[in-house]
Amino acid sequence: MITKCDMMGVLLDACPSFRPTWEAWLAEWAEPADDRPLYLALAEFARHLIGMLERGEAADFPAVFGAVERLQAEGEHYVREAAIVGLLEDLQNLNLHAGGTEPEQFRPFLGPESAAAWDELYVLWHNVGVLKAAGLLEPTPGPTPMVDPTTIQDPELRRVVQHVYRRG
């Protein structure tokens, strides 16, 4: 079974060009491996893959998406969820495709598990759009409340919130 601590190694084996970005990320998030917010690392990985697509560097994509398929088939719950919500969903994020690429350019590389998850994400976000258009997802009036990161129990979520406030 692929664990949270093993997940990035599987991806790095398939995509060695991400290693410098991963090492810089590790320097910034230098806490115990189990406490690292890997969803943020997966967002960086998605940006890296989109950059490769923009440059026409898709030679590693069969290995990369084979690794993503392994994460879904062999990973513990966190790993399976992260592969979908942390990576595939980011690859579908149109805001990350500013260089002229399209999310669907990744589809030929998806394995069966990834393709099914990819399609489920499209359905999910379509349904969110329908609810939003119907006025059922309107934000509540007033300012967004500030969150005190020290009150957050989950160490990974606390670190993410601290990171957001540090950058924001």
N, C-alpha and C. Protein backbone atom coordinates (compact mmCIF):
# COMPACT_ATOMS: atom_id res chain seq x y z
N MET A 1 0.84 -1.17 0.00
CA MET A 1 0.00 0.00 0.00
C MET A 1 0.89 1.25 0.00
N ILE A 2 0.54 2.21 -0.84
CA ILE A 2 1.30 3.45 -0.91
C ILE A 2 0.77 4.39 0.17
N THR A 3 1.67 4.85 1.03
CA THR A 3 1.29 5.73 2.13
C THR A 3 1.52 7.19 1.76
N LYS A 4 1.03 8.05 2.61
CA LYS A 4 1.22 9.49 2.42
C LYS A 4 2.70 9.82 2.31
N CYS A 5 3.52 9.17 3.12
CA CYS A 5 4.97 9.44 3.10
C CYS A 5 5.63 8.94 1.82
N ASP A 6 5.02 7.96 1.14
CA ASP A 6 5.59 7.39 -0.09
C ASP A 6 5.08 8.08 -1.35
N MET A 7 3.98 8.80 -1.25
CA MET A 7 3.27 9.31 -2.41
C MET A 7 4.14 10.15 -3.34
N MET A 8 4.83 11.13 -2.80
CA MET A 8 5.61 12.02 -3.67
C MET A 8 6.78 11.28 -4.31
N GLY A 9 7.33 10.29 -3.63
CA GLY A 9 8.39 9.49 -4.23
C GLY A 9 7.93 8.76 -5.48
N VAL A 10 6.70 8.27 -5.45
CA VAL A 10 6.13 7.59 -6.62
C VAL A 10 6.05 8.58 -7.79
N LEU A 11 5.61 9.79 -7.50
CA LEU A 11 5.48 10.80 -8.56
C LEU A 11 6.85 11.28 -9.04
N LEU A 12 7.80 11.43 -8.13
CA LEU A 12 9.15 11.87 -8.52
C LEU A 12 9.86 10.82 -9.37
N ASP A 13 9.63 9.54 -9.08
CA ASP A 13 10.22 8.48 -9.91
C ASP A 13 9.70 8.59 -11.35
N ALA A 14 8.46 8.98 -11.50
CA ALA A 14 7.86 9.10 -12.84
C ALA A 14 8.19 10.43 -13.51
N CYS A 15 8.50 11.44 -12.71
CA CYS A 15 8.72 12.78 -13.25
C CYS A 15 9.91 13.44 -12.54
N PRO A 16 11.13 13.01 -12.87
CA PRO A 16 12.31 13.53 -12.18
C PRO A 16 12.52 15.04 -12.37
N SER A 17 11.95 15.62 -13.41
CA SER A 17 12.13 17.06 -13.63
C SER A 17 11.45 17.90 -12.55
N PHE A 18 10.57 17.29 -11.77
CA PHE A 18 9.91 18.01 -10.67
C PHE A 18 10.79 18.08 -9.42
N ARG A 19 11.84 17.30 -9.37
CA ARG A 19 12.66 17.20 -8.15
C ARG A 19 13.16 18.56 -7.64
N PRO A 20 13.69 19.47 -8.46
CA PRO A 20 14.13 20.77 -7.91
C PRO A 20 13.00 21.55 -7.24
N THR A 21 11.83 21.52 -7.83
CA THR A 21 10.68 22.20 -7.22
C THR A 21 10.29 21.51 -5.92
N TRP A 22 10.32 20.19 -5.91
CA TRP A 22 10.01 19.42 -4.72
C TRP A 22 11.00 19.74 -3.60
N GLU A 23 12.28 19.81 -3.92
CA GLU A 23 13.29 20.10 -2.90
C GLU A 23 13.12 21.51 -2.34
N ALA A 24 12.77 22.47 -3.19
CA ALA A 24 12.50 23.83 -2.71
C ALA A 24 11.27 23.83 -1.82
N TRP A 25 10.27 23.05 -2.20
CA TRP A 25 9.05 22.96 -1.39
C TRP A 25 9.37 22.35 -0.03
N LEU A 26 10.19 21.29 -0.02
CA LEU A 26 10.57 20.66 1.24
C LEU A 26 11.32 21.63 2.15
N ALA A 27 12.14 22.49 1.57
CA ALA A 27 12.87 23.47 2.37
C ALA A 27 11.90 24.44 3.05
N GLU A 28 10.83 24.77 2.36
CA GLU A 28 9.84 25.68 2.94
C GLU A 28 8.98 24.97 3.98
N TRP A 29 8.69 23.71 3.77
CA TRP A 29 7.82 22.95 4.66
C TRP A 29 8.65 21.90 5.38
N ALA A 30 9.57 22.35 6.19
CA ALA A 30 10.53 21.44 6.84
C ALA A 30 10.01 20.90 8.16
N GLU A 31 8.85 20.29 8.15
CA GLU A 31 8.34 19.64 9.34
C GLU A 31 8.32 18.13 9.11
N PRO A 32 7.97 17.38 10.12
CA PRO A 32 7.93 15.92 9.94
C PRO A 32 7.09 15.53 8.72
N ALA A 33 7.52 14.49 8.04
CA ALA A 33 6.89 14.07 6.78
C ALA A 33 5.38 13.88 6.92
N ASP A 34 4.93 13.39 8.06
CA ASP A 34 3.50 13.13 8.23
C ASP A 34 2.68 14.41 8.39
N ASP A 35 3.33 15.53 8.70
CA ASP A 35 2.62 16.79 8.91
C ASP A 35 2.64 17.72 7.70
N ARG A 36 3.30 17.33 6.64
CA ARG A 36 3.40 18.21 5.48
C ARG A 36 2.07 18.31 4.74
N PRO A 37 1.69 19.52 4.31
CA PRO A 37 0.45 19.69 3.53
C PRO A 37 0.68 19.32 2.07
N LEU A 38 0.61 18.04 1.79
CA LEU A 38 0.95 17.55 0.46
C LEU A 38 0.00 18.02 -0.62
N TYR A 39 -1.19 18.48 -0.24
CA TYR A 39 -2.08 19.04 -1.26
C TYR A 39 -1.44 20.26 -1.91
N LEU A 40 -0.68 21.02 -1.13
CA LEU A 40 0.02 22.18 -1.70
C LEU A 40 1.14 21.72 -2.64
N ALA A 41 1.83 20.65 -2.28
CA ALA A 41 2.86 20.10 -3.15
C ALA A 41 2.25 19.57 -4.44
N LEU A 42 1.08 18.95 -4.34
CA LEU A 42 0.41 18.44 -5.53
C LEU A 42 -0.05 19.58 -6.44
N ALA A 43 -0.41 20.72 -5.86
CA ALA A 43 -0.75 21.89 -6.67
C ALA A 43 0.48 22.35 -7.45
N GLU A 44 1.64 22.33 -6.80
CA GLU A 44 2.89 22.68 -7.49
C GLU A 44 3.18 21.66 -8.60
N PHE A 45 2.91 20.40 -8.31
CA PHE A 45 3.13 19.36 -9.32
C PHE A 45 2.20 19.56 -10.52
N ALA A 46 0.95 19.93 -10.25
CA ALA A 46 0.01 20.21 -11.35
C ALA A 46 0.53 21.36 -12.20
N ARG A 47 1.00 22.43 -11.56
CA ARG A 47 1.57 23.56 -12.31
C ARG A 47 2.76 23.11 -13.16
N HIS A 48 3.57 22.23 -12.58
CA HIS A 48 4.73 21.70 -13.30
C HIS A 48 4.29 20.93 -14.55
N LEU A 49 3.28 20.07 -14.38
CA LEU A 49 2.79 19.28 -15.52
C LEU A 49 2.17 20.18 -16.59
N ILE A 50 1.45 21.20 -16.17
CA ILE A 50 0.86 22.14 -17.14
C ILE A 50 1.96 22.89 -17.86
N GLY A 51 3.01 23.27 -17.15
CA GLY A 51 4.16 23.91 -17.80
C GLY A 51 4.83 22.99 -18.81
N MET A 52 4.95 21.72 -18.47
CA MET A 52 5.50 20.75 -19.42
C MET A 52 4.62 20.66 -20.66
N LEU A 53 3.31 20.63 -20.45
CA LEU A 53 2.37 20.58 -21.57
C LEU A 53 2.53 21.82 -22.45
N GLU A 54 2.65 22.97 -21.85
CA GLU A 54 2.83 24.22 -22.61
C GLU A 54 4.09 24.17 -23.48
N ARG A 55 5.13 23.55 -22.96
CA ARG A 55 6.41 23.47 -23.69
C ARG A 55 6.48 22.26 -24.62
N GLY A 56 5.42 21.46 -24.67
CA GLY A 56 5.42 20.28 -25.53
C GLY A 56 6.30 19.16 -25.01
N GLU A 57 6.51 19.12 -23.71
CA GLU A 57 7.37 18.11 -23.07
C GLU A 57 6.52 17.01 -22.44
N ALA A 58 5.84 16.24 -23.24
CA ALA A 58 4.91 15.24 -22.74
C ALA A 58 5.48 13.82 -22.71
N ALA A 59 6.77 13.67 -22.97
CA ALA A 59 7.35 12.33 -23.05
C ALA A 59 7.20 11.55 -21.75
N ASP A 60 7.23 12.23 -20.60
CA ASP A 60 7.10 11.55 -19.31
C ASP A 60 5.64 11.34 -18.90
N PHE A 61 4.69 11.86 -19.64
CA PHE A 61 3.29 11.78 -19.21
C PHE A 61 2.76 10.35 -19.06
N PRO A 62 3.11 9.42 -19.94
CA PRO A 62 2.62 8.05 -19.70
C PRO A 62 3.09 7.51 -18.34
N ALA A 63 4.35 7.76 -17.99
CA ALA A 63 4.85 7.30 -16.69
C ALA A 63 4.19 8.08 -15.55
N VAL A 64 4.02 9.38 -15.72
CA VAL A 64 3.41 10.21 -14.68
C VAL A 64 1.99 9.75 -14.39
N PHE A 65 1.20 9.59 -15.44
CA PHE A 65 -0.19 9.21 -15.22
C PHE A 65 -0.34 7.73 -14.87
N GLY A 66 0.65 6.93 -15.22
CA GLY A 66 0.71 5.57 -14.70
C GLY A 66 0.92 5.59 -13.19
N ALA A 67 1.77 6.51 -12.72
CA ALA A 67 2.00 6.67 -11.28
C ALA A 67 0.74 7.18 -10.59
N VAL A 68 0.03 8.11 -11.22
CA VAL A 68 -1.23 8.62 -10.65
C VAL A 68 -2.24 7.47 -10.54
N GLU A 69 -2.27 6.62 -11.53
CA GLU A 69 -3.16 5.46 -11.50
C GLU A 69 -2.78 4.53 -10.35
N ARG A 70 -1.48 4.34 -10.15
CA ARG A 70 -1.01 3.51 -9.02
C ARG A 70 -1.44 4.11 -7.69
N LEU A 71 -1.35 5.44 -7.57
CA LEU A 71 -1.75 6.08 -6.31
C LEU A 71 -3.21 5.77 -6.00
N GLN A 72 -4.04 5.76 -7.03
CA GLN A 72 -5.46 5.48 -6.82
C GLN A 72 -5.72 4.01 -6.55
N ALA A 73 -4.98 3.14 -7.20
CA ALA A 73 -5.22 1.71 -7.06
C ALA A 73 -4.56 1.13 -5.81
N GLU A 74 -3.39 1.66 -5.45
CA GLU A 74 -2.60 1.06 -4.37
C GLU A 74 -2.46 1.95 -3.14
N GLY A 75 -3.01 3.14 -3.20
CA GLY A 75 -2.79 4.09 -2.11
C GLY A 75 -3.77 3.94 -0.96
N GLU A 76 -3.29 4.35 0.22
CA GLU A 76 -4.21 4.45 1.35
C GLU A 76 -5.21 5.56 1.05
N HIS A 77 -6.22 5.70 1.89
CA HIS A 77 -7.31 6.65 1.62
C HIS A 77 -6.78 8.06 1.32
N TYR A 78 -5.89 8.58 2.15
CA TYR A 78 -5.36 9.93 1.94
C TYR A 78 -4.74 10.04 0.55
N VAL A 79 -3.97 9.06 0.16
CA VAL A 79 -3.27 9.07 -1.13
C VAL A 79 -4.26 9.04 -2.29
N ARG A 80 -5.26 8.20 -2.20
CA ARG A 80 -6.27 8.12 -3.27
C ARG A 80 -7.01 9.45 -3.41
N GLU A 81 -7.41 10.01 -2.29
CA GLU A 81 -8.12 11.29 -2.31
C GLU A 81 -7.23 12.41 -2.83
N ALA A 82 -5.98 12.44 -2.39
CA ALA A 82 -5.05 13.48 -2.82
C ALA A 82 -4.78 13.40 -4.32
N ALA A 83 -4.70 12.19 -4.86
CA ALA A 83 -4.47 12.04 -6.30
C ALA A 83 -5.61 12.67 -7.10
N ILE A 84 -6.81 12.58 -6.57
CA ILE A 84 -7.98 13.13 -7.27
C ILE A 84 -8.16 14.61 -6.98
N VAL A 85 -8.33 14.94 -5.71
CA VAL A 85 -8.64 16.32 -5.33
C VAL A 85 -7.40 17.21 -5.37
N GLY A 86 -6.26 16.65 -5.04
CA GLY A 86 -5.04 17.45 -5.01
C GLY A 86 -4.35 17.60 -6.34
N LEU A 87 -4.50 16.62 -7.23
CA LEU A 87 -3.79 16.69 -8.51
C LEU A 87 -4.75 16.80 -9.69
N LEU A 88 -5.61 15.82 -9.88
CA LEU A 88 -6.47 15.85 -11.07
C LEU A 88 -7.35 17.09 -11.10
N GLU A 89 -7.90 17.45 -9.95
CA GLU A 89 -8.76 18.65 -9.93
C GLU A 89 -7.95 19.90 -10.27
N ASP A 90 -6.71 19.99 -9.81
CA ASP A 90 -5.87 21.14 -10.17
C ASP A 90 -5.54 21.14 -11.66
N LEU A 91 -5.36 19.96 -12.24
CA LEU A 91 -5.10 19.90 -13.68
C LEU A 91 -6.30 20.38 -14.49
N GLN A 92 -7.50 20.31 -13.92
CA GLN A 92 -8.71 20.81 -14.59
C GLN A 92 -8.93 22.30 -14.35
N ASN A 93 -8.19 22.90 -13.43
CA ASN A 93 -8.39 24.30 -13.07
C ASN A 93 -7.97 25.20 -14.24
N LEU A 94 -8.94 25.84 -14.86
CA LEU A 94 -8.66 26.68 -16.03
C LEU A 94 -7.74 27.84 -15.71
N ASN A 95 -7.74 28.31 -14.47
CA ASN A 95 -6.85 29.40 -14.08
C ASN A 95 -5.38 29.03 -14.19
N LEU A 96 -5.09 27.75 -14.12
CA LEU A 96 -3.70 27.30 -14.24
C LEU A 96 -3.28 27.09 -15.69
N HIS A 97 -4.21 27.21 -16.61
CA HIS A 97 -3.93 26.98 -18.04
C HIS A 97 -3.83 28.30 -18.80
N ALA A 98 -3.22 29.29 -18.22
CA ALA A 98 -3.14 30.62 -18.85
C ALA A 98 -2.26 30.63 -20.10
N GLY A 99 -1.41 29.64 -20.26
CA GLY A 99 -0.48 29.60 -21.38
C GLY A 99 -1.03 28.99 -22.65
N GLY A 100 -2.34 28.79 -22.73
CA GLY A 100 -2.94 28.28 -23.95
C GLY A 100 -3.23 26.80 -23.97
N THR A 101 -2.98 26.11 -22.86
CA THR A 101 -3.30 24.68 -22.80
C THR A 101 -4.74 24.50 -22.34
N GLU A 102 -5.23 23.29 -22.48
CA GLU A 102 -6.58 22.93 -22.06
C GLU A 102 -6.50 21.68 -21.19
N PRO A 103 -7.31 21.60 -20.15
CA PRO A 103 -7.29 20.40 -19.31
C PRO A 103 -7.46 19.10 -20.10
N GLU A 104 -8.30 19.11 -21.11
CA GLU A 104 -8.57 17.89 -21.86
C GLU A 104 -7.35 17.35 -22.59
N GLN A 105 -6.30 18.14 -22.71
CA GLN A 105 -5.07 17.63 -23.33
C GLN A 105 -4.42 16.54 -22.48
N PHE A 106 -4.81 16.45 -21.22
CA PHE A 106 -4.29 15.39 -20.35
C PHE A 106 -5.07 14.09 -20.49
N ARG A 107 -6.28 14.15 -21.01
CA ARG A 107 -7.15 12.97 -21.06
C ARG A 107 -6.50 11.75 -21.72
N PRO A 108 -5.78 11.88 -22.83
CA PRO A 108 -5.21 10.68 -23.45
C PRO A 108 -4.23 9.91 -22.56
N PHE A 109 -3.73 10.56 -21.52
CA PHE A 109 -2.74 9.93 -20.66
C PHE A 109 -3.37 9.29 -19.42
N LEU A 110 -4.66 9.54 -19.18
CA LEU A 110 -5.32 9.04 -17.98
C LEU A 110 -5.59 7.55 -18.08
N GLY A 111 -5.35 6.85 -16.98
CA GLY A 111 -5.75 5.46 -16.87
C GLY A 111 -7.23 5.39 -16.54
N PRO A 112 -7.80 4.19 -16.44
CA PRO A 112 -9.24 4.06 -16.21
C PRO A 112 -9.72 4.68 -14.89
N GLU A 113 -8.98 4.50 -13.80
CA GLU A 113 -9.37 5.09 -12.52
C GLU A 113 -9.33 6.61 -12.59
N SER A 114 -8.26 7.12 -13.19
CA SER A 114 -8.10 8.57 -13.30
C SER A 114 -9.16 9.17 -14.21
N ALA A 115 -9.46 8.50 -15.32
CA ALA A 115 -10.48 9.00 -16.24
C ALA A 115 -11.85 9.05 -15.57
N ALA A 116 -12.16 8.04 -14.78
CA ALA A 116 -13.45 8.04 -14.07
C ALA A 116 -13.49 9.18 -13.06
N ALA A 117 -12.42 9.38 -12.32
CA ALA A 117 -12.37 10.47 -11.35
C ALA A 117 -12.43 11.82 -12.05
N TRP A 118 -11.74 11.94 -13.17
CA TRP A 118 -11.73 13.16 -13.98
C TRP A 118 -13.16 13.55 -14.37
N ASP A 119 -13.89 12.56 -14.87
CA ASP A 119 -15.28 12.81 -15.28
C ASP A 119 -16.17 13.14 -14.09
N GLU A 120 -15.95 12.48 -12.95
CA GLU A 120 -16.73 12.79 -11.75
C GLU A 120 -16.48 14.23 -11.28
N LEU A 121 -15.24 14.69 -11.42
CA LEU A 121 -14.94 16.08 -11.05
C LEU A 121 -15.68 17.05 -11.96
N TYR A 122 -15.73 16.74 -13.25
CA TYR A 122 -16.49 17.60 -14.17
C TYR A 122 -17.96 17.67 -13.77
N VAL A 123 -18.53 16.52 -13.42
CA VAL A 123 -19.94 16.48 -13.02
C VAL A 123 -20.13 17.29 -11.74
N LEU A 124 -19.24 17.11 -10.78
CA LEU A 124 -19.34 17.85 -9.53
C LEU A 124 -19.35 19.35 -9.78
N TRP A 125 -18.39 19.84 -10.55
CA TRP A 125 -18.29 21.28 -10.78
C TRP A 125 -19.41 21.80 -11.67
N HIS A 126 -19.91 20.96 -12.57
CA HIS A 126 -21.10 21.35 -13.34
C HIS A 126 -22.28 21.56 -12.40
N ASN A 127 -22.47 20.63 -11.47
CA ASN A 127 -23.57 20.74 -10.51
C ASN A 127 -23.42 21.96 -9.62
N VAL A 128 -22.20 22.28 -9.23
CA VAL A 128 -21.96 23.50 -8.44
C VAL A 128 -22.39 24.72 -9.27
N GLY A 129 -22.03 24.72 -10.55
CA GLY A 129 -22.43 25.83 -11.42
C GLY A 129 -23.93 25.97 -11.54
N VAL A 130 -24.63 24.85 -11.64
CA VAL A 130 -26.10 24.87 -11.73
C VAL A 130 -26.68 25.45 -10.44
N LEU A 131 -26.19 25.01 -9.30
CA LEU A 131 -26.67 25.52 -8.02
C LEU A 131 -26.37 27.01 -7.87
N LYS A 132 -25.19 27.41 -8.29
CA LYS A 132 -24.81 28.83 -8.22
C LYS A 132 -25.73 29.65 -9.11
N ALA A 133 -25.98 29.19 -10.34
CA ALA A 133 -26.85 29.91 -11.26
C ALA A 133 -28.27 30.01 -10.73
N ALA A 134 -28.69 29.03 -9.95
CA ALA A 134 -30.04 29.04 -9.36
C ALA A 134 -30.10 29.89 -8.09
N GLY A 135 -28.97 30.48 -7.72
CA GLY A 135 -28.94 31.33 -6.53
C GLY A 135 -28.90 30.56 -5.22
N LEU A 136 -28.56 29.28 -5.29
CA LEU A 136 -28.56 28.45 -4.09
C LEU A 136 -27.22 28.39 -3.38
N LEU A 137 -26.21 29.02 -3.94
CA LEU A 137 -24.89 29.02 -3.31
C LEU A 137 -24.37 30.44 -3.10
N GLU A 138 -25.26 31.31 -2.74
CA GLU A 138 -24.86 32.70 -2.53
C GLU A 138 -24.08 32.82 -1.22
N PRO A 139 -23.02 33.63 -1.23
CA PRO A 139 -22.28 33.84 0.01
C PRO A 139 -23.11 34.63 1.02
N THR A 140 -22.82 34.43 2.27
CA THR A 140 -23.50 35.20 3.30
C THR A 140 -22.91 36.59 3.35
N PRO A 141 -23.72 37.61 3.63
CA PRO A 141 -23.21 38.98 3.65
C PRO A 141 -22.25 39.19 4.82
N GLY A 142 -21.37 40.15 4.64
CA GLY A 142 -20.43 40.51 5.70
C GLY A 142 -19.02 40.11 5.35
N PRO A 143 -18.09 40.58 6.14
CA PRO A 143 -16.68 40.28 5.86
C PRO A 143 -16.35 38.82 6.15
N THR A 144 -15.35 38.33 5.47
CA THR A 144 -14.87 36.98 5.72
C THR A 144 -14.18 36.99 7.08
N PRO A 145 -14.56 36.08 7.95
CA PRO A 145 -13.95 36.09 9.29
C PRO A 145 -12.48 35.67 9.23
N MET A 146 -11.67 36.28 10.06
CA MET A 146 -10.28 35.89 10.18
C MET A 146 -10.23 34.61 11.01
N VAL A 147 -9.31 33.74 10.69
CA VAL A 147 -9.16 32.49 11.42
C VAL A 147 -7.84 32.54 12.17
N ASP A 148 -7.89 32.20 13.43
CA ASP A 148 -6.68 32.11 14.24
C ASP A 148 -6.12 30.71 14.04
N PRO A 149 -4.99 30.58 13.32
CA PRO A 149 -4.46 29.25 13.03
C PRO A 149 -4.18 28.42 14.28
N THR A 150 -3.89 29.06 15.40
CA THR A 150 -3.58 28.30 16.61
C THR A 150 -4.79 27.56 17.16
N THR A 151 -6.00 27.92 16.70
CA THR A 151 -7.21 27.24 17.16
C THR A 151 -7.56 26.02 16.32
N ILE A 152 -6.83 25.79 15.25
CA ILE A 152 -7.11 24.66 14.35
C ILE A 152 -6.40 23.42 14.89
N GLN A 153 -7.15 22.37 15.12
CA GLN A 153 -6.62 21.14 15.72
C GLN A 153 -5.79 20.32 14.73
N ASP A 154 -6.25 20.21 13.50
CA ASP A 154 -5.56 19.39 12.50
C ASP A 154 -4.25 20.06 12.11
N PRO A 155 -3.11 19.42 12.33
CA PRO A 155 -1.82 20.07 12.07
C PRO A 155 -1.61 20.43 10.60
N GLU A 156 -2.10 19.60 9.69
CA GLU A 156 -1.92 19.90 8.27
C GLU A 156 -2.76 21.12 7.87
N LEU A 157 -4.00 21.15 8.30
CA LEU A 157 -4.86 22.28 7.98
C LEU A 157 -4.32 23.56 8.63
N ARG A 158 -3.84 23.46 9.88
CA ARG A 158 -3.27 24.62 10.56
C ARG A 158 -2.09 25.18 9.75
N ARG A 159 -1.24 24.30 9.26
CA ARG A 159 -0.06 24.73 8.48
C ARG A 159 -0.50 25.39 7.18
N VAL A 160 -1.52 24.86 6.53
CA VAL A 160 -2.03 25.45 5.29
C VAL A 160 -2.56 26.86 5.57
N VAL A 161 -3.33 27.01 6.63
CA VAL A 161 -3.87 28.34 6.97
C VAL A 161 -2.74 29.31 7.28
N GLN A 162 -1.75 28.85 8.01
CA GLN A 162 -0.59 29.70 8.30
C GLN A 162 0.10 30.11 7.01
N HIS A 163 0.21 29.19 6.08
CA HIS A 163 0.84 29.47 4.79
C HIS A 163 0.03 30.52 4.02
N VAL A 164 -1.29 30.39 4.02
CA VAL A 164 -2.15 31.34 3.31
C VAL A 164 -1.99 32.74 3.90
N TYR A 165 -2.02 32.84 5.21
CA TYR A 165 -1.88 34.15 5.84
C TYR A 165 -0.49 34.73 5.62
N ARG A 166 0.52 33.89 5.56
CA ARG A 166 1.89 34.37 5.34
C ARG A 166 2.02 34.96 3.94
N ARG A 167 1.34 34.34 2.97
CA ARG A 167 1.45 34.80 1.57
C ARG A 167 0.44 35.89 1.25
N GLY A 168 -0.67 35.90 1.94
CA GLY A 168 -1.77 36.81 1.61
C GLY A 168 -1.55 38.17 2.15
